[in-house]
PDB file of N, CA and C in Angstrom:
ATOM      1  N   MET A   1      76.383  87.674 107.513  1.00  0.00           N
ATOM      2  CA  MET A   1      76.951  88.810 108.021  1.00  0.00           C
ATOM      3  C   MET A   1      76.276  89.955 107.203  1.00  0.00           C
ATOM      4  N   ARG A   2      76.116  91.151 108.050  1.00  0.00           N
ATOM      5  CA  ARG A   2      75.496  92.363 107.874  1.00  0.00           C
ATOM      6  C   ARG A   2      76.607  92.998 107.003  1.00  0.00           C
ATOM      7  N   ASP A   3      76.121  93.970 105.974  1.00  0.00           N
ATOM      8  CA  ASP A   3      76.907  94.855 105.424  1.00  0.00           C
ATOM      9  C   ASP A   3      77.680  95.899 106.347  1.00  0.00           C
ATOM     10  N   ARG A   4      77.024  96.326 107.441  1.00  0.00           N
ATOM     11  CA  ARG A   4      77.613  97.390 108.213  1.00  0.00           C
ATOM     12  C   ARG A   4      78.962  96.754 108.865  1.00  0.00           C
ATOM     13  N   PHE A   5      79.001  95.376 109.074  1.00  0.00           N
ATOM     14  CA  PHE A   5      80.310  94.918 109.382  1.00  0.00           C
ATOM     15  C   PHE A   5      81.274  94.309 108.411  1.00  0.00           C
ATOM     16  N   PHE A   6      80.852  93.930 107.444  1.00  0.00           N
ATOM     17  CA  PHE A   6      81.546  93.268 106.395  1.00  0.00           C
ATOM     18  C   PHE A   6      82.335  94.307 105.531  1.00  0.00           C
ATOM     19  N   TYR A   7      81.889  95.309 105.163  1.00  0.00           N
ATOM     20  CA  TYR A   7      82.671  96.273 104.318  1.00  0.00           C
ATOM     21  C   TYR A   7      83.831  96.991 105.090  1.00  0.00           C
ATOM     22  N   PRO A   8      83.468  97.603 106.294  1.00  0.00           N
ATOM     23  CA  PRO A   8      84.644  97.808 106.928  1.00  0.00           C
ATOM     24  C   PRO A   8      85.740  96.888 107.190  1.00  0.00           C
ATOM     25  N   LEU A   9      85.331  95.656 107.576  1.00  0.00           N
ATOM     26  CA  LEU A   9      86.412  94.527 107.684  1.00  0.00           C
ATOM     27  C   LEU A   9      87.169  94.295 106.529  1.00  0.00           C
ATOM     28  N   ALA A  10      86.416  94.343 105.285  1.00  0.00           N
ATOM     29  CA  ALA A  10      86.979  94.172 104.115  1.00  0.00           C
ATOM     30  C   ALA A  10      87.996  95.190 103.700  1.00  0.00           C
ATOM     31  N   LEU A  11      87.688  96.495 103.840  1.00  0.00           N
ATOM     32  CA  LEU A  11      88.614  97.589 103.668  1.00  0.00           C
ATOM     33  C   LEU A  11      89.701  97.512 104.772  1.00  0.00           C
ATOM     34  N   ALA A  12      89.685  97.208 105.864  1.00  0.00           N
ATOM     35  CA  ALA A  12      90.842  96.853 106.889  1.00  0.00           C
ATOM     36  C   ALA A  12      91.586  95.950 106.147  1.00  0.00           C
ATOM     37  N   ALA A  13      91.223  94.773 105.851  1.00  0.00           N
ATOM     38  CA  ALA A  13      91.915  93.725 105.217  1.00  0.00           C
ATOM     39  C   ALA A  13      92.673  94.214 104.117  1.00  0.00           C
ATOM     40  N   THR A  14      92.046  94.946 103.105  1.00  0.00           N
ATOM     41  CA  THR A  14      92.543  95.420 101.926  1.00  0.00           C
ATOM     42  C   THR A  14      93.851  96.203 102.238  1.00  0.00           C
ATOM     43  N   VAL A  15      93.568  97.200 103.183  1.00  0.00           N
ATOM     44  CA  VAL A  15      94.648  98.215 103.392  1.00  0.00           C
ATOM     45  C   VAL A  15      95.713  97.453 104.232  1.00  0.00           C
ATOM     46  N   GLY A  16      95.518  96.551 105.104  1.00  0.00           N
ATOM     47  CA  GLY A  16      96.463  95.563 105.693  1.00  0.00           C
ATOM     48  C   GLY A  16      97.386  95.118 104.769  1.00  0.00           C
ATOM     49  N   MET A  17      96.806  94.510 103.593  1.00  0.00           N
ATOM     50  CA  MET A  17      97.541  93.583 102.786  1.00  0.00           C
ATOM     51  C   MET A  17      98.433  94.716 101.911  1.00  0.00           C
ATOM     52  N   ILE A  18      97.866  95.845 101.496  1.00  0.00           N
ATOM     53  CA  ILE A  18      98.763  96.762 100.680  1.00  0.00           C
ATOM     54  C   ILE A  18      99.843  97.240 101.818  1.00  0.00           C
ATOM     55  N   LEU A  19      99.653  97.707 102.960  1.00  0.00           N
ATOM     56  CA  LEU A  19     100.653  98.037 103.812  1.00  0.00           C
ATOM     57  C   LEU A  19     101.875  96.902 103.847  1.00  0.00           C
ATOM     58  N   LEU A  20     101.379  95.734 104.104  1.00  0.00           N
ATOM     59  CA  LEU A  20     102.222  94.467 104.149  1.00  0.00           C
ATOM     60  C   LEU A  20     103.163  94.569 103.018  1.00  0.00           C
ATOM     61  N   ALA A  21     102.523  94.747 101.674  1.00  0.00           N
ATOM     62  CA  ALA A  21     103.362  94.602 100.662  1.00  0.00           C
ATOM     63  C   ALA A  21     104.199  95.776 100.362  1.00  0.00           C
ATOM     64  N   LEU A  22     103.942  96.909 100.714  1.00  0.00           N
ATOM     65  CA  LEU A  22     105.003  97.797 100.943  1.00  0.00           C
ATOM     66  C   LEU A  22     106.020  97.710 101.825  1.00  0.00           C
ATOM     67  N   VAL A  23     105.855  96.978 102.985  1.00  0.00           N
ATOM     68  CA  VAL A  23     106.854  96.849 103.975  1.00  0.00           C
ATOM     69  C   VAL A  23     107.900  95.588 103.715  1.00  0.00           C
ATOM     70  N   TRP A  24     107.129  94.716 103.017  1.00  0.00           N
ATOM     71  CA  TRP A  24     108.093  93.496 102.347  1.00  0.00           C
ATOM     72  C   TRP A  24     107.889  93.353 100.854  1.00  0.00           C
ATOM     73  N   PRO A  25     108.862  94.062 100.175  1.00  0.00           N
ATOM     74  CA  PRO A  25     108.868  93.961  98.701  1.00  0.00           C
ATOM     75  C   PRO A  25     109.384  92.740  98.193  1.00  0.00           C
ATOM     76  N   GLN A  26     108.875  91.788  97.943  1.00  0.00           N
ATOM     77  CA  GLN A  26     109.610  90.546  97.448  1.00  0.00           C
ATOM     78  C   GLN A  26     109.584  90.640  95.957  1.00  0.00           C
ATOM     79  N   GLY A  27     110.666  90.338  95.375  1.00  0.00           N
ATOM     80  CA  GLY A  27     110.639  90.482  93.775  1.00  0.00           C
ATOM     81  C   GLY A  27     111.099  91.853  93.343  1.00  0.00           C
ATOM     82  N   GLN A  28     111.506  92.824  94.194  1.00  0.00           N
ATOM     83  CA  GLN A  28     111.886  94.220  93.708  1.00  0.00           C
ATOM     84  C   GLN A  28     113.361  94.338  93.867  1.00  0.00           C
ATOM     85  N   GLY A  29     114.119  93.242  94.095  1.00  0.00           N
ATOM     86  CA  GLY A  29     115.426  93.291  94.288  1.00  0.00           C
ATOM     87  C   GLY A  29     116.003  93.235  95.766  1.00  0.00           C
ATOM     88  N   ALA A  30     115.165  93.531  96.679  1.00  0.00           N
ATOM     89  CA  ALA A  30     115.498  93.441  98.049  1.00  0.00           C
ATOM     90  C   ALA A  30     114.927  92.117  98.659  1.00  0.00           C
ATOM     91  N   ARG A  31     115.685  91.571  99.567  1.00  0.00           N
ATOM     92  CA  ARG A  31     115.369  90.327 100.259  1.00  0.00           C
ATOM     93  C   ARG A  31     114.149  90.529 101.160  1.00  0.00           C
ATOM     94  N   SER A  32     113.348  89.589 101.421  1.00  0.00           N
ATOM     95  CA  SER A  32     112.456  89.934 102.511  1.00  0.00           C
ATOM     96  C   SER A  32     113.149  89.345 103.591  1.00  0.00           C
ATOM     97  N   PRO A  33     112.607  89.813 104.872  1.00  0.00           N
ATOM     98  CA  PRO A  33     113.115  89.386 106.114  1.00  0.00           C
ATOM     99  C   PRO A  33     112.814  87.708 106.358  1.00  0.00           C
ATOM    100  N   ALA A  34     113.387  87.103 107.492  1.00  0.00           N
ATOM    101  CA  ALA A  34     113.269  85.749 107.577  1.00  0.00           C
ATOM    102  C   ALA A  34     111.876  85.083 107.340  1.00  0.00           C
ATOM    103  N   PRO A  35     110.875  85.588 108.058  1.00  0.00           N
ATOM    104  CA  PRO A  35     109.715  84.629 107.885  1.00  0.00           C
ATOM    105  C   PRO A  35     108.936  84.559 106.709  1.00  0.00           C
ATOM    106  N   PHE A  36     109.385  85.800 105.753  1.00  0.00           N
ATOM    107  CA  PHE A  36     108.738  85.900 104.486  1.00  0.00           C
ATOM    108  C   PHE A  36     109.661  85.677 103.424  1.00  0.00           C
ATOM    109  N   GLY A  37     110.801  85.778 103.764  1.00  0.00           N
ATOM    110  CA  GLY A  37     111.924  85.697 102.490  1.00  0.00           C
ATOM    111  C   GLY A  37     112.342  84.187 102.321  1.00  0.00           C
ATOM    112  N   HIS A  38     113.005  83.898 101.150  1.00  0.00           N
ATOM    113  CA  HIS A  38     113.616  82.526 100.891  1.00  0.00           C
ATOM    114  C   HIS A  38     114.789  82.949 100.287  1.00  0.00           C
ATOM    115  N   GLU A  39     115.690  81.753 100.371  1.00  0.00           N
ATOM    116  CA  GLU A  39     117.113  81.701  99.593  1.00  0.00           C
ATOM    117  C   GLU A  39     116.833  81.679  98.056  1.00  0.00           C
ATOM    118  N   PRO A  40     117.528  82.591  97.318  1.00  0.00           N
ATOM    119  CA  PRO A  40     117.462  82.244  95.831  1.00  0.00           C
ATOM    120  C   PRO A  40     117.973  81.110  95.426  1.00  0.00           C
ATOM    121  N   THR A  41     117.387  80.286  94.503  1.00  0.00           N
ATOM    122  CA  THR A  41     117.561  79.070  93.994  1.00  0.00           C
ATOM    123  C   THR A  41     118.317  79.431  92.536  1.00  0.00           C
ATOM    124  N   THR A  42     119.257  78.436  92.197  1.00  0.00           N
ATOM    125  CA  THR A  42     119.867  78.697  91.083  1.00  0.00           C
ATOM    126  C   THR A  42     119.625  77.145  90.372  1.00  0.00           C
ATOM    127  N   PRO A  43     119.946  77.018  89.188  1.00  0.00           N
ATOM    128  CA  PRO A  43     119.654  75.876  88.633  1.00  0.00           C
ATOM    129  C   PRO A  43     120.667  74.723  89.234  1.00  0.00           C
ATOM    130  N   ALA A  44     121.952  75.245  89.403  1.00  0.00           N
ATOM    131  CA  ALA A  44     122.939  74.186  89.993  1.00  0.00           C
ATOM    132  C   ALA A  44     122.421  73.682  91.257  1.00  0.00           C
ATOM    133  N   LYS A  45     121.913  74.701  92.169  1.00  0.00           N
ATOM    134  CA  LYS A  45     121.414  74.319  93.581  1.00  0.00           C
ATOM    135  C   LYS A  45     120.544  73.441  93.475  1.00  0.00           C
ATOM    136  N   THR A  46     119.504  73.715  92.542  1.00  0.00           N
ATOM    137  CA  THR A  46     118.250  72.911  92.375  1.00  0.00           C
ATOM    138  C   THR A  46     118.733  71.407  91.952  1.00  0.00           C
ATOM    139  N   ALA A  47     119.641  71.209  91.036  1.00  0.00           N
ATOM    140  CA  ALA A  47     120.064  69.890  90.599  1.00  0.00           C
ATOM    141  C   ALA A  47     121.033  69.372  91.726  1.00  0.00           C
ATOM    142  N   GLY A  48     121.336  69.962  92.767  1.00  0.00           N
ATOM    143  CA  GLY A  48     122.271  69.433  93.678  1.00  0.00           C
ATOM    144  C   GLY A  48     123.682  69.342  93.306  1.00  0.00           C
ATOM    145  N   LEU A  49     124.099  70.061  92.407  1.00  0.00           N
ATOM    146  CA  LEU A  49     125.508  70.202  92.126  1.00  0.00           C
ATOM    147  C   LEU A  49     126.405  71.177  93.127  1.00  0.00           C
ATOM    148  N   ARG A  50     127.575  70.906  93.087  1.00  0.00           N
ATOM    149  CA  ARG A  50     128.459  71.838  93.980  1.00  0.00           C
ATOM    150  C   ARG A  50     128.726  73.046  92.997  1.00  0.00           C
ATOM    151  N   THR A  51     128.580  74.317  93.633  1.00  0.00           N
ATOM    152  CA  THR A  51     129.124  75.542  92.912  1.00  0.00           C
ATOM    153  C   THR A  51     130.504  75.892  93.133  1.00  0.00           C
ATOM    154  N   THR A  52     131.034  75.472  94.231  1.00  0.00           N
ATOM    155  CA  THR A  52     132.507  75.774  94.455  1.00  0.00           C
ATOM    156  C   THR A  52     133.318  74.548  94.202  1.00  0.00           C
ATOM    157  N   GLN A  53     134.695  74.900  93.792  1.00  0.00           N
ATOM    158  CA  GLN A  53     135.564  73.779  93.648  1.00  0.00           C
ATOM    159  C   GLN A  53     136.519  73.512  94.412  1.00  0.00           C
TER     160      GLN A  53
END
């Protein structure tokens, strides 16, 4: 691949990843939306224990 095409594509990919990280901040206290986020797990949930009585 020629440098003339590679470097602009690499720059666009880098900027795109940075913008995606700004929109979906995982691990900063805010949950990500459905396709990117996940339910927080607790040790009790991992062990399969009931948390309510």
